[in-house]
Amino acid sequence: MKNIKMKMARVEKDLSQEELAQLVGVSRQTIGLIELGKYNPSLSLCIAICKTLSRTLNDLFWDEE
């Protein structure tokens, strides 16, 4: 399932995938795969992404059904 919420938060912060990747210490491909829903990030990576994007884990990674 695509992570549209993470992509939208990244775009709102005016960050490219490459810039976000550098800030959290992963490759651009990793960020792309997370946004596509093809990679399940570790909890520590999720937290780093949330801190960088000023969002909570619930905001970015919780499925609302």
N, C-alpha and C. Protein backbone atom coordinates (compact mmCIF):
# COMPACT_ATOMS: atom_id res chain seq x y z
N MET A 1 0.85 -1.19 0.00
CA MET A 1 0.00 0.00 0.00
C MET A 1 0.89 1.25 0.00
N LYS A 2 0.62 2.15 -0.92
CA LYS A 2 1.45 3.35 -1.05
C LYS A 2 1.33 4.23 0.19
N ASN A 3 2.44 4.89 0.52
CA ASN A 3 2.44 5.81 1.65
C ASN A 3 2.30 7.23 1.13
N ILE A 4 1.08 7.58 0.79
CA ILE A 4 0.78 8.92 0.26
C ILE A 4 1.00 9.98 1.34
N LYS A 5 0.69 9.63 2.60
CA LYS A 5 0.83 10.61 3.69
C LYS A 5 2.28 11.05 3.85
N MET A 6 3.21 10.09 3.73
CA MET A 6 4.62 10.45 3.87
C MET A 6 5.06 11.33 2.69
N LYS A 7 4.63 10.97 1.50
CA LYS A 7 4.99 11.77 0.32
C LYS A 7 4.46 13.18 0.44
N MET A 8 3.21 13.33 0.88
CA MET A 8 2.62 14.66 1.02
C MET A 8 3.36 15.49 2.07
N ALA A 9 3.72 14.86 3.19
CA ALA A 9 4.46 15.57 4.23
C ALA A 9 5.83 16.01 3.71
N ARG A 10 6.47 15.16 2.92
CA ARG A 10 7.77 15.50 2.33
C ARG A 10 7.64 16.68 1.38
N VAL A 11 6.61 16.65 0.53
CA VAL A 11 6.39 17.73 -0.44
C VAL A 11 6.06 19.04 0.29
N GLU A 12 5.27 18.96 1.36
CA GLU A 12 4.93 20.16 2.14
C GLU A 12 6.16 20.80 2.75
N LYS A 13 7.16 19.98 3.09
CA LYS A 13 8.42 20.49 3.65
C LYS A 13 9.38 20.93 2.53
N ASP A 14 8.93 20.80 1.27
CA ASP A 14 9.72 21.16 0.10
C ASP A 14 11.04 20.38 0.04
N LEU A 15 10.94 19.08 0.32
CA LEU A 15 12.11 18.20 0.27
C LEU A 15 11.97 17.20 -0.86
N SER A 16 13.07 16.96 -1.56
CA SER A 16 13.08 15.89 -2.56
C SER A 16 13.31 14.57 -1.82
N GLN A 17 13.11 13.46 -2.53
CA GLN A 17 13.42 12.16 -1.92
C GLN A 17 14.89 12.12 -1.52
N GLU A 18 15.75 12.65 -2.37
CA GLU A 18 17.20 12.67 -2.09
C GLU A 18 17.51 13.46 -0.82
N GLU A 19 16.89 14.63 -0.68
CA GLU A 19 17.14 15.47 0.50
C GLU A 19 16.66 14.79 1.77
N LEU A 20 15.47 14.20 1.75
CA LEU A 20 14.96 13.49 2.92
C LEU A 20 15.87 12.31 3.25
N ALA A 21 16.29 11.59 2.24
CA ALA A 21 17.18 10.45 2.44
C ALA A 21 18.47 10.87 3.13
N GLN A 22 19.07 11.96 2.69
CA GLN A 22 20.30 12.44 3.31
C GLN A 22 20.08 12.83 4.77
N LEU A 23 18.94 13.45 5.05
CA LEU A 23 18.64 13.89 6.42
C LEU A 23 18.45 12.72 7.38
N VAL A 24 17.92 11.60 6.88
CA VAL A 24 17.66 10.46 7.77
C VAL A 24 18.69 9.34 7.61
N GLY A 25 19.64 9.51 6.69
CA GLY A 25 20.74 8.58 6.57
C GLY A 25 20.46 7.30 5.79
N VAL A 26 19.62 7.40 4.75
CA VAL A 26 19.36 6.25 3.89
C VAL A 26 19.51 6.69 2.43
N SER A 27 19.33 5.76 1.51
CA SER A 27 19.42 6.10 0.09
C SER A 27 18.10 6.68 -0.42
N ARG A 28 18.19 7.41 -1.53
CA ARG A 28 16.98 7.93 -2.16
C ARG A 28 16.05 6.80 -2.55
N GLN A 29 16.63 5.68 -2.98
CA GLN A 29 15.82 4.53 -3.38
C GLN A 29 14.98 4.01 -2.21
N THR A 30 15.55 4.03 -1.01
CA THR A 30 14.81 3.57 0.18
C THR A 30 13.58 4.44 0.41
N ILE A 31 13.75 5.76 0.31
CA ILE A 31 12.61 6.67 0.49
C ILE A 31 11.56 6.39 -0.59
N GLY A 32 12.01 6.23 -1.83
CA GLY A 32 11.09 5.93 -2.92
C GLY A 32 10.31 4.64 -2.69
N LEU A 33 11.00 3.61 -2.22
CA LEU A 33 10.35 2.33 -1.97
C LEU A 33 9.34 2.42 -0.82
N ILE A 34 9.68 3.19 0.22
CA ILE A 34 8.73 3.38 1.32
C ILE A 34 7.47 4.07 0.80
N GLU A 35 7.65 5.11 -0.01
CA GLU A 35 6.50 5.84 -0.55
C GLU A 35 5.66 4.96 -1.47
N LEU A 36 6.30 4.03 -2.16
CA LEU A 36 5.58 3.11 -3.04
C LEU A 36 4.94 1.94 -2.30
N GLY A 37 5.27 1.81 -1.00
CA GLY A 37 4.74 0.71 -0.22
C GLY A 37 5.44 -0.61 -0.48
N LYS A 38 6.66 -0.55 -1.01
CA LYS A 38 7.41 -1.76 -1.34
C LYS A 38 8.54 -2.04 -0.35
N TYR A 39 8.64 -1.24 0.69
CA TYR A 39 9.68 -1.42 1.70
C TYR A 39 9.10 -1.10 3.06
N ASN A 40 9.31 -1.99 4.01
CA ASN A 40 8.81 -1.80 5.37
C ASN A 40 9.96 -1.29 6.24
N PRO A 41 9.98 0.01 6.56
CA PRO A 41 11.10 0.58 7.30
C PRO A 41 11.12 0.13 8.76
N SER A 42 12.32 0.16 9.33
CA SER A 42 12.46 -0.15 10.75
C SER A 42 11.80 0.95 11.58
N LEU A 43 11.54 0.65 12.82
CA LEU A 43 10.94 1.64 13.71
C LEU A 43 11.86 2.86 13.86
N SER A 44 13.16 2.62 13.96
CA SER A 44 14.08 3.75 14.12
C SER A 44 14.08 4.65 12.88
N LEU A 45 13.96 4.05 11.69
CA LEU A 45 13.87 4.86 10.48
C LEU A 45 12.55 5.62 10.43
N CYS A 46 11.47 4.97 10.82
CA CYS A 46 10.17 5.66 10.87
C CYS A 46 10.24 6.87 11.79
N ILE A 47 10.86 6.71 12.94
CA ILE A 47 10.98 7.81 13.90
C ILE A 47 11.82 8.95 13.31
N ALA A 48 12.93 8.60 12.66
CA ALA A 48 13.78 9.62 12.05
C ALA A 48 13.02 10.39 10.97
N ILE A 49 12.24 9.68 10.16
CA ILE A 49 11.45 10.34 9.12
C ILE A 49 10.42 11.26 9.76
N CYS A 50 9.74 10.78 10.79
CA CYS A 50 8.73 11.59 11.47
C CYS A 50 9.33 12.86 12.07
N LYS A 51 10.47 12.74 12.72
CA LYS A 51 11.13 13.93 13.31
C LYS A 51 11.51 14.92 12.22
N THR A 52 12.05 14.41 11.12
CA THR A 52 12.47 15.29 10.02
C THR A 52 11.29 15.99 9.38
N LEU A 53 10.17 15.30 9.26
CA LEU A 53 8.98 15.88 8.62
C LEU A 53 8.02 16.53 9.61
N SER A 54 8.40 16.57 10.89
CA SER A 54 7.56 17.18 11.95
C SER A 54 6.17 16.56 12.00
N ARG A 55 6.14 15.24 11.96
CA ARG A 55 4.89 14.49 12.03
C ARG A 55 5.04 13.39 13.09
N THR A 56 3.92 12.79 13.47
CA THR A 56 3.95 11.67 14.41
C THR A 56 3.92 10.35 13.63
N LEU A 57 4.23 9.28 14.32
CA LEU A 57 4.13 7.95 13.70
C LEU A 57 2.72 7.70 13.20
N ASN A 58 1.73 8.08 14.00
CA ASN A 58 0.33 7.91 13.59
C ASN A 58 0.03 8.69 12.31
N ASP A 59 0.59 9.90 12.20
CA ASP A 59 0.33 10.73 11.02
C ASP A 59 0.80 10.05 9.74
N LEU A 60 1.96 9.40 9.79
CA LEU A 60 2.59 8.90 8.57
C LEU A 60 2.47 7.41 8.34
N PHE A 61 2.40 6.63 9.41
CA PHE A 61 2.54 5.18 9.24
C PHE A 61 1.36 4.35 9.75
N TRP A 62 0.32 4.98 10.25
CA TRP A 62 -0.82 4.23 10.76
C TRP A 62 -1.89 4.13 9.68
N ASP A 63 -2.30 2.91 9.37
CA ASP A 63 -3.36 2.71 8.38
C ASP A 63 -4.71 3.04 8.98
N GLU A 64 -5.42 3.95 8.32
CA GLU A 64 -6.78 4.26 8.75
C GLU A 64 -7.73 3.51 7.85
N GLU A 65 -8.52 2.62 8.43
CA GLU A 65 -9.42 1.80 7.62
C GLU A 65 -10.85 2.25 7.77
